[in-house]
PDB file of N, CA and C in Angstrom:
ATOM      1  N   MET A   1      93.235 101.240  72.182  1.00  0.00           N
ATOM      2  CA  MET A   1      92.859 102.688  71.341  1.00  0.00           C
ATOM      3  C   MET A   1      93.933 101.562  69.915  1.00  0.00           C
ATOM      4  N   THR A   2      93.663 102.486  68.276  1.00  0.00           N
ATOM      5  CA  THR A   2      94.340 101.711  67.439  1.00  0.00           C
ATOM      6  C   THR A   2      95.419 101.637  67.789  1.00  0.00           C
ATOM      7  N   LEU A   3      96.064 101.274  66.119  1.00  0.00           N
ATOM      8  CA  LEU A   3      97.346 101.277  66.270  1.00  0.00           C
ATOM      9  C   LEU A   3      97.516 103.009  65.140  1.00  0.00           C
ATOM     10  N   ALA A   4      96.736 103.043  64.269  1.00  0.00           N
ATOM     11  CA  ALA A   4      96.400 104.502  64.427  1.00  0.00           C
ATOM     12  C   ALA A   4      96.603 105.429  64.994  1.00  0.00           C
ATOM     13  N   GLU A   5      95.147 105.799  65.446  1.00  0.00           N
ATOM     14  CA  GLU A   5      95.576 106.064  67.333  1.00  0.00           C
ATOM     15  C   GLU A   5      96.578 106.305  68.216  1.00  0.00           C
ATOM     16  N   ALA A   6      97.356 105.312  68.047  1.00  0.00           N
ATOM     17  CA  ALA A   6      98.718 105.471  68.454  1.00  0.00           C
ATOM     18  C   ALA A   6      99.178 106.602  67.552  1.00  0.00           C
ATOM     19  N   ALA A   7      99.943 105.870  66.909  1.00  0.00           N
ATOM     20  CA  ALA A   7     101.022 106.810  65.963  1.00  0.00           C
ATOM     21  C   ALA A   7     100.437 108.317  65.770  1.00  0.00           C
ATOM     22  N   GLY A   8      99.198 108.129  66.004  1.00  0.00           N
ATOM     23  CA  GLY A   8      99.039 109.779  65.723  1.00  0.00           C
ATOM     24  C   GLY A   8      98.999 110.794  66.747  1.00  0.00           C
ATOM     25  N   ARG A   9      98.924 110.104  68.056  1.00  0.00           N
ATOM     26  CA  ARG A   9      99.133 110.494  69.229  1.00  0.00           C
ATOM     27  C   ARG A   9     100.771 110.421  70.016  1.00  0.00           C
ATOM     28  N   TYR A  10     101.294 109.773  69.620  1.00  0.00           N
ATOM     29  CA  TYR A  10     102.850 109.657  70.373  1.00  0.00           C
ATOM     30  C   TYR A  10     103.451 109.410  68.896  1.00  0.00           C
ATOM     31  N   SER A  11     103.278 110.131  68.128  1.00  0.00           N
ATOM     32  CA  SER A  11     103.914 110.197  67.051  1.00  0.00           C
ATOM     33  C   SER A  11     105.339 109.297  66.646  1.00  0.00           C
ATOM     34  N   ILE A  12     104.708 108.329  66.447  1.00  0.00           N
ATOM     35  CA  ILE A  12     105.090 106.363  65.810  1.00  0.00           C
ATOM     36  C   ILE A  12     105.334 106.887  64.794  1.00  0.00           C
ATOM     37  N   PRO A  13     106.474 106.289  64.197  1.00  0.00           N
ATOM     38  CA  PRO A  13     106.661 106.356  63.169  1.00  0.00           C
ATOM     39  C   PRO A  13     106.212 105.087  61.536  1.00  0.00           C
ATOM     40  N   PRO A  14     105.538 105.395  61.178  1.00  0.00           N
ATOM     41  CA  PRO A  14     105.062 104.347  59.965  1.00  0.00           C
ATOM     42  C   PRO A  14     105.576 103.188  60.074  1.00  0.00           C
ATOM     43  N   ASP A  15     107.560 102.530  59.955  1.00  0.00           N
ATOM     44  CA  ASP A  15     108.025 101.836  59.876  1.00  0.00           C
ATOM     45  C   ASP A  15     108.330 101.051  61.382  1.00  0.00           C
ATOM     46  N   ILE A  16     108.465 101.934  62.432  1.00  0.00           N
ATOM     47  CA  ILE A  16     108.631 101.208  63.773  1.00  0.00           C
ATOM     48  C   ILE A  16     106.941 100.166  63.956  1.00  0.00           C
ATOM     49  N   LEU A  17     106.093 100.858  63.515  1.00  0.00           N
ATOM     50  CA  LEU A  17     104.485  99.718  63.214  1.00  0.00           C
ATOM     51  C   LEU A  17     104.479  99.231  62.409  1.00  0.00           C
ATOM     52  N   GLN A  18     104.888  99.438  61.268  1.00  0.00           N
ATOM     53  CA  GLN A  18     104.637  97.770  60.537  1.00  0.00           C
ATOM     54  C   GLN A  18     106.273  97.053  61.357  1.00  0.00           C
ATOM     55  N   GLU A  19     106.965  97.419  61.920  1.00  0.00           N
ATOM     56  CA  GLU A  19     107.452  96.565  62.465  1.00  0.00           C
ATOM     57  C   GLU A  19     107.150  95.636  63.273  1.00  0.00           C
ATOM     58  N   TYR A  20     106.720  96.241  63.626  1.00  0.00           N
ATOM     59  CA  TYR A  20     106.211  96.303  65.742  1.00  0.00           C
ATOM     60  C   TYR A  20     104.759  95.044  64.900  1.00  0.00           C
ATOM     61  N   ARG A  21     104.308  95.298  64.663  1.00  0.00           N
ATOM     62  CA  ARG A  21     102.740  94.412  63.922  1.00  0.00           C
ATOM     63  C   ARG A  21     104.274  93.083  62.844  1.00  0.00           C
ATOM     64  N   SER A  22     105.062  93.013  62.322  1.00  0.00           N
ATOM     65  CA  SER A  22     105.450  92.086  61.672  1.00  0.00           C
ATOM     66  C   SER A  22     106.645  90.999  62.476  1.00  0.00           C
ATOM     67  N   LEU A  23     106.003  91.525  63.946  1.00  0.00           N
ATOM     68  CA  LEU A  23     107.167  90.650  65.410  1.00  0.00           C
ATOM     69  C   LEU A  23     106.355  89.993  65.755  1.00  0.00           C
ATOM     70  N   GLY A  24     104.517  90.070  65.365  1.00  0.00           N
ATOM     71  CA  GLY A  24     103.811  89.862  65.850  1.00  0.00           C
ATOM     72  C   GLY A  24     102.771  89.835  67.150  1.00  0.00           C
ATOM     73  N   PHE A  25     102.696  91.844  67.558  1.00  0.00           N
ATOM     74  CA  PHE A  25     101.862  92.107  68.050  1.00  0.00           C
ATOM     75  C   PHE A  25     101.439  93.255  67.442  1.00  0.00           C
ATOM     76  N   ALA A  26      99.913  93.531  68.280  1.00  0.00           N
ATOM     77  CA  ALA A  26      99.083  94.228  67.760  1.00  0.00           C
ATOM     78  C   ALA A  26      97.944  93.757  66.736  1.00  0.00           C
ATOM     79  N   PRO A  27      98.230  91.658  66.923  1.00  0.00           N
ATOM     80  CA  PRO A  27      97.711  91.496  65.775  1.00  0.00           C
ATOM     81  C   PRO A  27      96.442  92.190  65.318  1.00  0.00           C
ATOM     82  N   GLY A  28      95.707  92.137  65.712  1.00  0.00           N
ATOM     83  CA  GLY A  28      93.913  92.805  66.244  1.00  0.00           C
ATOM     84  C   GLY A  28      94.108  94.237  65.632  1.00  0.00           C
ATOM     85  N   GLY A  29      95.380  95.157  65.810  1.00  0.00           N
ATOM     86  CA  GLY A  29      95.085  96.091  65.192  1.00  0.00           C
ATOM     87  C   GLY A  29      95.031  97.224  66.389  1.00  0.00           C
ATOM     88  N   THR A  30      94.798  96.909  67.526  1.00  0.00           N
ATOM     89  CA  THR A  30      94.903  97.927  69.117  1.00  0.00           C
ATOM     90  C   THR A  30      96.021  97.915  69.559  1.00  0.00           C
ATOM     91  N   VAL A  31      96.657  98.601  70.545  1.00  0.00           N
ATOM     92  CA  VAL A  31      97.214  98.800  71.612  1.00  0.00           C
ATOM     93  C   VAL A  31      96.807  99.196  73.102  1.00  0.00           C
ATOM     94  N   ASP A  32      97.423  98.620  74.124  1.00  0.00           N
ATOM     95  CA  ASP A  32      97.343  98.923  75.347  1.00  0.00           C
ATOM     96  C   ASP A  32      98.176  99.359  75.758  1.00  0.00           C
ATOM     97  N   ASP A  33      98.856  99.521  76.915  1.00  0.00           N
ATOM     98  CA  ASP A  33      99.592 100.260  77.980  1.00  0.00           C
ATOM     99  C   ASP A  33     101.070  99.157  77.123  1.00  0.00           C
ATOM    100  N   THR A  34     100.608  97.870  77.826  1.00  0.00           N
ATOM    101  CA  THR A  34     102.207  97.100  77.146  1.00  0.00           C
ATOM    102  C   THR A  34     102.528  96.953  76.256  1.00  0.00           C
ATOM    103  N   ASP A  35     101.690  97.076  75.095  1.00  0.00           N
ATOM    104  CA  ASP A  35     102.385  97.845  73.332  1.00  0.00           C
ATOM    105  C   ASP A  35     102.375  98.948  73.134  1.00  0.00           C
ATOM    106  N   LEU A  36     101.913  99.964  74.492  1.00  0.00           N
ATOM    107  CA  LEU A  36     102.453 101.481  73.778  1.00  0.00           C
ATOM    108  C   LEU A  36     104.594 100.910  74.770  1.00  0.00           C
ATOM    109  N   GLU A  37     104.188 100.898  75.767  1.00  0.00           N
ATOM    110  CA  GLU A  37     105.633 100.573  76.469  1.00  0.00           C
ATOM    111  C   GLU A  37     106.867  99.391  75.484  1.00  0.00           C
ATOM    112  N   ARG A  38     106.589  98.398  74.804  1.00  0.00           N
ATOM    113  CA  ARG A  38     106.890  97.697  73.993  1.00  0.00           C
ATOM    114  C   ARG A  38     107.446  98.754  72.479  1.00  0.00           C
ATOM    115  N   LEU A  39     106.454  99.772  72.479  1.00  0.00           N
ATOM    116  CA  LEU A  39     106.652 100.307  71.184  1.00  0.00           C
ATOM    117  C   LEU A  39     107.917 101.453  71.427  1.00  0.00           C
ATOM    118  N   GLY A  40     107.168 102.077  72.377  1.00  0.00           N
ATOM    119  CA  GLY A  40     108.320 102.628  72.954  1.00  0.00           C
ATOM    120  C   GLY A  40     110.410 102.278  73.349  1.00  0.00           C
ATOM    121  N   THR A  41     109.802 101.138  73.403  1.00  0.00           N
ATOM    122  CA  THR A  41     111.344 100.706  74.260  1.00  0.00           C
ATOM    123  C   THR A  41     112.009 100.176  72.253  1.00  0.00           C
ATOM    124  N   LEU A  42     111.250  99.569  70.725  1.00  0.00           N
ATOM    125  CA  LEU A  42     112.277  99.853  69.569  1.00  0.00           C
ATOM    126  C   LEU A  42     112.375 100.856  69.212  1.00  0.00           C
ATOM    127  N   ILE A  43     111.805 101.954  70.102  1.00  0.00           N
ATOM    128  CA  ILE A  43     111.572 103.112  68.923  1.00  0.00           C
ATOM    129  C   ILE A  43     112.989 103.878  70.128  1.00  0.00           C
ATOM    130  N   ALA A  44     113.408 102.832  70.775  1.00  0.00           N
ATOM    131  CA  ALA A  44     115.052 103.349  71.318  1.00  0.00           C
ATOM    132  C   ALA A  44     116.372 102.291  70.843  1.00  0.00           C
ATOM    133  N   LEU A  45     115.479 101.533  70.628  1.00  0.00           N
ATOM    134  CA  LEU A  45     116.109 100.647  69.608  1.00  0.00           C
ATOM    135  C   LEU A  45     116.950 100.811  68.814  1.00  0.00           C
ATOM    136  N   HIS A  46     116.021 101.548  68.005  1.00  0.00           N
ATOM    137  CA  HIS A  46     116.372 101.652  67.107  1.00  0.00           C
ATOM    138  C   HIS A  46     117.312 103.106  66.855  1.00  0.00           C
ATOM    139  N   ASP A  47     116.204 103.922  67.876  1.00  0.00           N
ATOM    140  CA  ASP A  47     117.146 105.311  68.493  1.00  0.00           C
ATOM    141  C   ASP A  47     118.767 104.822  68.317  1.00  0.00           C
ATOM    142  N   LEU A  48     119.427 103.063  69.523  1.00  0.00           N
ATOM    143  CA  LEU A  48     120.571 103.301  69.719  1.00  0.00           C
ATOM    144  C   LEU A  48     121.545 102.783  68.585  1.00  0.00           C
ATOM    145  N   GLY A  49     120.966 102.821  67.536  1.00  0.00           N
ATOM    146  CA  GLY A  49     121.785 101.995  66.861  1.00  0.00           C
ATOM    147  C   GLY A  49     121.134 100.719  66.313  1.00  0.00           C
ATOM    148  N   LEU A  50     120.226 100.361  66.933  1.00  0.00           N
ATOM    149  CA  LEU A  50     120.166  98.967  66.597  1.00  0.00           C
ATOM    150  C   LEU A  50     119.235  98.408  65.144  1.00  0.00           C
ATOM    151  N   THR A  51     119.570  96.800  64.521  1.00  0.00           N
ATOM    152  CA  THR A  51     119.152  97.102  63.379  1.00  0.00           C
ATOM    153  C   THR A  51     117.868  96.595  63.731  1.00  0.00           C
ATOM    154  N   ALA A  52     117.047  96.622  62.812  1.00  0.00           N
ATOM    155  CA  ALA A  52     115.556  96.050  63.462  1.00  0.00           C
ATOM    156  C   ALA A  52     115.815  94.472  63.332  1.00  0.00           C
ATOM    157  N   GLU A  53     116.726  93.355  62.676  1.00  0.00           N
ATOM    158  CA  GLU A  53     116.657  92.375  63.096  1.00  0.00           C
ATOM    159  C   GLU A  53     117.284  92.582  64.403  1.00  0.00           C
ATOM    160  N   GLU A  54     118.237  93.111  65.238  1.00  0.00           N
ATOM    161  CA  GLU A  54     118.324  92.736  66.749  1.00  0.00           C
ATOM    162  C   GLU A  54     117.621  93.575  67.490  1.00  0.00           C
ATOM    163  N   ALA A  55     116.563  95.030  66.891  1.00  0.00           N
ATOM    164  CA  ALA A  55     115.267  95.134  68.105  1.00  0.00           C
ATOM    165  C   ALA A  55     114.343  93.950  68.458  1.00  0.00           C
ATOM    166  N   GLY A  56     113.809  93.584  67.043  1.00  0.00           N
ATOM    167  CA  GLY A  56     113.247  92.147  67.623  1.00  0.00           C
ATOM    168  C   GLY A  56     113.588  91.449  68.016  1.00  0.00           C
ATOM    169  N   LYS A  57     114.733  90.814  68.245  1.00  0.00           N
ATOM    170  CA  LYS A  57     115.056  90.029  68.365  1.00  0.00           C
ATOM    171  C   LYS A  57     114.899  90.111  70.463  1.00  0.00           C
ATOM    172  N   TYR A  58     115.497  91.320  70.107  1.00  0.00           N
ATOM    173  CA  TYR A  58     115.787  92.396  71.596  1.00  0.00           C
ATOM    174  C   TYR A  58     113.964  91.924  72.358  1.00  0.00           C
ATOM    175  N   LEU A  59     113.592  92.457  71.580  1.00  0.00           N
ATOM    176  CA  LEU A  59     112.081  92.540  72.230  1.00  0.00           C
ATOM    177  C   LEU A  59     111.386  90.686  72.064  1.00  0.00           C
ATOM    178  N   ARG A  60     111.365  90.507  71.460  1.00  0.00           N
ATOM    179  CA  ARG A  60     111.007  88.716  72.003  1.00  0.00           C
ATOM    180  C   ARG A  60     112.089  88.435  72.560  1.00  0.00           C
ATOM    181  N   LEU A  61     113.306  88.243  72.486  1.00  0.00           N
ATOM    182  CA  LEU A  61     113.750  87.788  74.361  1.00  0.00           C
ATOM    183  C   LEU A  61     113.220  88.382  75.246  1.00  0.00           C
ATOM    184  N   THR A  62     112.473  89.757  75.255  1.00  0.00           N
ATOM    185  CA  THR A  62     112.779  90.093  76.532  1.00  0.00           C
ATOM    186  C   THR A  62     110.931  89.652  77.400  1.00  0.00           C
ATOM    187  N   GLU A  63     110.151  89.952  76.183  1.00  0.00           N
ATOM    188  CA  GLU A  63     108.604  89.410  75.852  1.00  0.00           C
ATOM    189  C   GLU A  63     108.735  87.695  76.705  1.00  0.00           C
ATOM    190  N   ALA A  64     109.776  86.988  76.139  1.00  0.00           N
ATOM    191  CA  ALA A  64     109.723  85.561  77.146  1.00  0.00           C
ATOM    192  C   ALA A  64     110.554  85.380  78.016  1.00  0.00           C
ATOM    193  N   GLY A  65     110.745  86.159  79.242  1.00  0.00           N
ATOM    194  CA  GLY A  65     110.964  85.956  79.788  1.00  0.00           C
ATOM    195  C   GLY A  65     111.841  87.216  81.232  1.00  0.00           C
ATOM    196  N   GLY A  66     111.002  88.060  80.329  1.00  0.00           N
ATOM    197  CA  GLY A  66     112.053  89.612  81.114  1.00  0.00           C
ATOM    198  C   GLY A  66     113.782  89.602  80.373  1.00  0.00           C
ATOM    199  N   CYS A  67     114.362  91.074  81.100  1.00  0.00           N
ATOM    200  CA  CYS A  67     115.786  90.467  80.156  1.00  0.00           C
ATOM    201  C   CYS A  67     116.824  89.523  80.504  1.00  0.00           C
ATOM    202  N   CYS A  68     117.862  89.364  79.507  1.00  0.00           N
ATOM    203  CA  CYS A  68     118.526  87.909  79.852  1.00  0.00           C
ATOM    204  C   CYS A  68     119.402  88.010  79.150  1.00  0.00           C
ATOM    205  N   SER A  69     120.885  86.775  79.366  1.00  0.00           N
ATOM    206  CA  SER A  69     121.896  87.455  79.203  1.00  0.00           C
ATOM    207  C   SER A  69     122.126  87.644  77.367  1.00  0.00           C
ATOM    208  N   GLU A  70     121.621  87.006  76.264  1.00  0.00           N
ATOM    209  CA  GLU A  70     121.570  87.933  75.131  1.00  0.00           C
ATOM    210  C   GLU A  70     120.806  89.019  74.589  1.00  0.00           C
ATOM    211  N   CYS A  71     119.659  89.734  76.017  1.00  0.00           N
ATOM    212  CA  CYS A  71     119.270  90.900  75.756  1.00  0.00           C
ATOM    213  C   CYS A  71     121.247  92.111  75.999  1.00  0.00           C
ATOM    214  N   LEU A  72     121.717  91.651  77.309  1.00  0.00           N
ATOM    215  CA  LEU A  72     122.422  92.562  77.617  1.00  0.00           C
ATOM    216  C   LEU A  72     124.499  92.196  76.713  1.00  0.00           C
ATOM    217  N   ARG A  73     123.813  91.232  75.512  1.00  0.00           N
ATOM    218  CA  ARG A  73     124.610  91.199  74.698  1.00  0.00           C
ATOM    219  C   ARG A  73     124.531  91.616  73.255  1.00  0.00           C
ATOM    220  N   ILE A  74     123.595  92.168  73.157  1.00  0.00           N
ATOM    221  CA  ILE A  74     123.113  92.358  71.843  1.00  0.00           C
ATOM    222  C   ILE A  74     123.237  94.230  72.258  1.00  0.00           C
ATOM    223  N   LEU A  75     123.461  94.756  73.732  1.00  0.00           N
ATOM    224  CA  LEU A  75     123.312  96.127  74.724  1.00  0.00           C
ATOM    225  C   LEU A  75     124.791  96.026  74.502  1.00  0.00           C
ATOM    226  N   ASP A  76     125.854  95.359  74.742  1.00  0.00           N
ATOM    227  CA  ASP A  76     127.181  95.213  75.535  1.00  0.00           C
ATOM    228  C   ASP A  76     127.860  96.029  73.296  1.00  0.00           C
ATOM    229  N   ARG A  77     127.243  94.899  73.007  1.00  0.00           N
ATOM    230  CA  ARG A  77     127.524  94.835  71.531  1.00  0.00           C
ATOM    231  C   ARG A  77     127.862  96.399  70.742  1.00  0.00           C
ATOM    232  N   ARG A  78     126.409  97.189  70.895  1.00  0.00           N
ATOM    233  CA  ARG A  78     126.206  97.925  70.366  1.00  0.00           C
ATOM    234  C   ARG A  78     126.927  99.205  71.118  1.00  0.00           C
ATOM    235  N   ARG A  79     126.930  99.144  72.747  1.00  0.00           N
ATOM    236  CA  ARG A  79     128.221 100.270  73.965  1.00  0.00           C
ATOM    237  C   ARG A  79     128.907 100.053  72.482  1.00  0.00           C
ATOM    238  N   ALA A  80     129.982  99.116  72.332  1.00  0.00           N
ATOM    239  CA  ALA A  80     131.244  98.829  71.951  1.00  0.00           C
ATOM    240  C   ALA A  80     131.230  99.258  71.169  1.00  0.00           C
ATOM    241  N   GLU A  81     130.270  99.047  69.577  1.00  0.00           N
ATOM    242  CA  GLU A  81     130.919 100.613  68.616  1.00  0.00           C
ATOM    243  C   GLU A  81     130.121 101.937  69.139  1.00  0.00           C
ATOM    244  N   CYS A  82     129.677 102.025  70.075  1.00  0.00           N
ATOM    245  CA  CYS A  82     129.508 103.489  69.959  1.00  0.00           C
ATOM    246  C   CYS A  82     131.130 104.242  70.525  1.00  0.00           C
ATOM    247  N   LEU A  83     131.781 103.109  71.571  1.00  0.00           N
ATOM    248  CA  LEU A  83     132.688 103.306  71.666  1.00  0.00           C
ATOM    249  C   LEU A  83     133.306 103.374  70.532  1.00  0.00           C
ATOM    250  N   ASP A  84     133.704 102.923  70.227  1.00  0.00           N
ATOM    251  CA  ASP A  84     134.723 102.929  68.868  1.00  0.00           C
ATOM    252  C   ASP A  84     134.484 103.698  68.307  1.00  0.00           C
ATOM    253  N   ASP A  85     132.903 104.354  67.864  1.00  0.00           N
ATOM    254  CA  ASP A  85     132.862 105.815  66.674  1.00  0.00           C
ATOM    255  C   ASP A  85     133.329 106.491  67.893  1.00  0.00           C
ATOM    256  N   ILE A  86     133.212 106.993  68.837  1.00  0.00           N
ATOM    257  CA  ILE A  86     133.637 107.947  69.843  1.00  0.00           C
ATOM    258  C   ILE A  86     135.044 108.017  69.995  1.00  0.00           C
ATOM    259  N   HIS A  87     135.414 106.884  70.039  1.00  0.00           N
ATOM    260  CA  HIS A  87     137.483 106.697  70.124  1.00  0.00           C
ATOM    261  C   HIS A  87     137.617 107.875  68.377  1.00  0.00           C
ATOM    262  N   ARG A  88     136.675 107.118  67.161  1.00  0.00           N
ATOM    263  CA  ARG A  88     137.646 107.375  66.163  1.00  0.00           C
ATOM    264  C   ARG A  88     137.262 109.469  65.733  1.00  0.00           C
ATOM    265  N   CYS A  89     136.562 109.242  66.863  1.00  0.00           N
ATOM    266  CA  CYS A  89     136.059 111.379  66.449  1.00  0.00           C
ATOM    267  C   CYS A  89     137.304 111.644  67.277  1.00  0.00           C
ATOM    268  N   GLU A  90     137.449 111.429  68.559  1.00  0.00           N
ATOM    269  CA  GLU A  90     138.545 111.707  68.970  1.00  0.00           C
ATOM    270  C   GLU A  90     139.677 111.618  68.426  1.00  0.00           C
ATOM    271  N   SER A  91     139.730 110.436  67.780  1.00  0.00           N
ATOM    272  CA  SER A  91     141.069 111.097  66.505  1.00  0.00           C
ATOM    273  C   SER A  91     141.249 111.630  66.121  1.00  0.00           C
ATOM    274  N   GLN A  92     139.944 112.043  64.853  1.00  0.00           N
ATOM    275  CA  GLN A  92     139.759 112.506  64.172  1.00  0.00           C
ATOM    276  C   GLN A  92     139.596 114.238  64.608  1.00  0.00           C
ATOM    277  N   LEU A  93     139.783 114.338  65.917  1.00  0.00           N
ATOM    278  CA  LEU A  93     139.582 115.944  66.647  1.00  0.00           C
ATOM    279  C   LEU A  93     140.886 116.696  66.931  1.00  0.00           C
ATOM    280  N   SER A  94     141.808 115.133  67.710  1.00  0.00           N
ATOM    281  CA  SER A  94     143.181 115.316  67.221  1.00  0.00           C
ATOM    282  C   SER A  94     143.740 116.258  66.143  1.00  0.00           C
ATOM    283  N   ARG A  95     143.714 115.961  65.594  1.00  0.00           N
ATOM    284  CA  ARG A  95     144.339 115.366  64.580  1.00  0.00           C
ATOM    285  C   ARG A  95     143.489 116.867  63.462  1.00  0.00           C
ATOM    286  N   LEU A  96     142.825 117.077  63.590  1.00  0.00           N
ATOM    287  CA  LEU A  96     141.797 118.438  63.263  1.00  0.00           C
ATOM    288  C   LEU A  96     142.642 119.389  64.043  1.00  0.00           C
ATOM    289  N   ASP A  97     142.605 119.830  65.424  1.00  0.00           N
ATOM    290  CA  ASP A  97     143.210 120.677  65.968  1.00  0.00           C
ATOM    291  C   ASP A  97     144.647 120.526  65.303  1.00  0.00           C
ATOM    292  N   TYR A  98     145.463 119.408  65.456  1.00  0.00           N
ATOM    293  CA  TYR A  98     146.797 119.495  65.021  1.00  0.00           C
ATOM    294  C   TYR A  98     147.324 120.422  63.702  1.00  0.00           C
ATOM    295  N   LEU A  99     146.221 120.355  62.747  1.00  0.00           N
ATOM    296  CA  LEU A  99     146.173 120.906  62.009  1.00  0.00           C
ATOM    297  C   LEU A  99     145.565 122.661  61.851  1.00  0.00           C
ATOM    298  N   ARG A 100     144.980 123.358  62.612  1.00  0.00           N
ATOM    299  CA  ARG A 100     144.418 123.997  62.972  1.00  0.00           C
ATOM    300  C   ARG A 100     145.523 124.816  63.423  1.00  0.00           C
ATOM    301  N   HIS A 101     146.201 124.186  64.683  1.00  0.00           N
ATOM    302  CA  HIS A 101     147.825 125.278  65.312  1.00  0.00           C
ATOM    303  C   HIS A 101     148.578 124.744  64.539  1.00  0.00           C
ATOM    304  N   GLU A 102     148.802 124.005  63.081  1.00  0.00           N
ATOM    305  CA  GLU A 102     149.627 124.602  62.699  1.00  0.00           C
ATOM    306  C   GLU A 102     149.538 125.954  61.398  1.00  0.00           C
ATOM    307  N   LEU A 103     148.579 125.500  61.267  1.00  0.00           N
ATOM    308  CA  LEU A 103     147.870 126.594  60.105  1.00  0.00           C
ATOM    309  C   LEU A 103     147.766 128.054  61.402  1.00  0.00           C
ATOM    310  N   ARG A 104     148.057 128.528  62.286  1.00  0.00           N
ATOM    311  CA  ARG A 104     147.746 129.281  62.992  1.00  0.00           C
ATOM    312  C   ARG A 104     149.152 129.670  63.279  1.00  0.00           C
ATOM    313  N   ARG A 105     149.769 128.824  63.714  1.00  0.00           N
ATOM    314  CA  ARG A 105     151.425 128.917  63.959  1.00  0.00           C
ATOM    315  C   ARG A 105     151.870 129.893  63.096  1.00  0.00           C
ATOM    316  N   GLY A 106     151.399 128.915  61.670  1.00  0.00           N
ATOM    317  CA  GLY A 106     151.858 129.829  60.434  1.00  0.00           C
ATOM    318  C   GLY A 106     152.073 130.506  60.330  1.00  0.00           C
ATOM    319  N   GLN A 107     150.619 131.472  60.460  1.00  0.00           N
ATOM    320  CA  GLN A 107     150.369 133.049  60.418  1.00  0.00           C
ATOM    321  C   GLN A 107     151.263 133.714  61.860  1.00  0.00           C
ATOM    322  N   ASP A 108     151.173 133.063  62.092  1.00  0.00           N
ATOM    323  CA  ASP A 108     151.777 133.981  63.758  1.00  0.00           C
ATOM    324  C   ASP A 108     153.393 134.458  63.794  1.00  0.00           C
ATOM    325  N   GLY A 109     153.402 133.347  62.984  1.00  0.00           N
ATOM    326  CA  GLY A 109     154.839 133.228  62.368  1.00  0.00           C
ATOM    327  C   GLY A 109     155.328 134.441  60.835  1.00  0.00           C
ATOM    328  N   LYS A 110     155.369 134.798  60.597  1.00  0.00           N
ATOM    329  CA  LYS A 110     154.950 136.012  59.400  1.00  0.00           C
ATOM    330  C   LYS A 110     155.547 137.471  59.942  1.00  0.00           C
TER     331      LYS A 110
END
């Protein structure tokens, strides 16, 4: 099927298609099952917060011979960033809960 048909059928965003082509995949403008799997991976990598550069590097590395230590480093780095975000949000929630508690305590004391 063509890239346009795949985009319509599977709701693939145009920027993902453009990035996929810029990485050298689907040069003839047609895609097969392997391309669809790669496109799904590319979408997932972006959903996980990887940059276009990181996602492209990941795809190129996996194409060169399967999963490797560099792919794991890319994923581990993003995982660490996600954990940092979670910890930052947990800290904010604790402070919000403290402020809410203080306000409620002040209202009960009136």
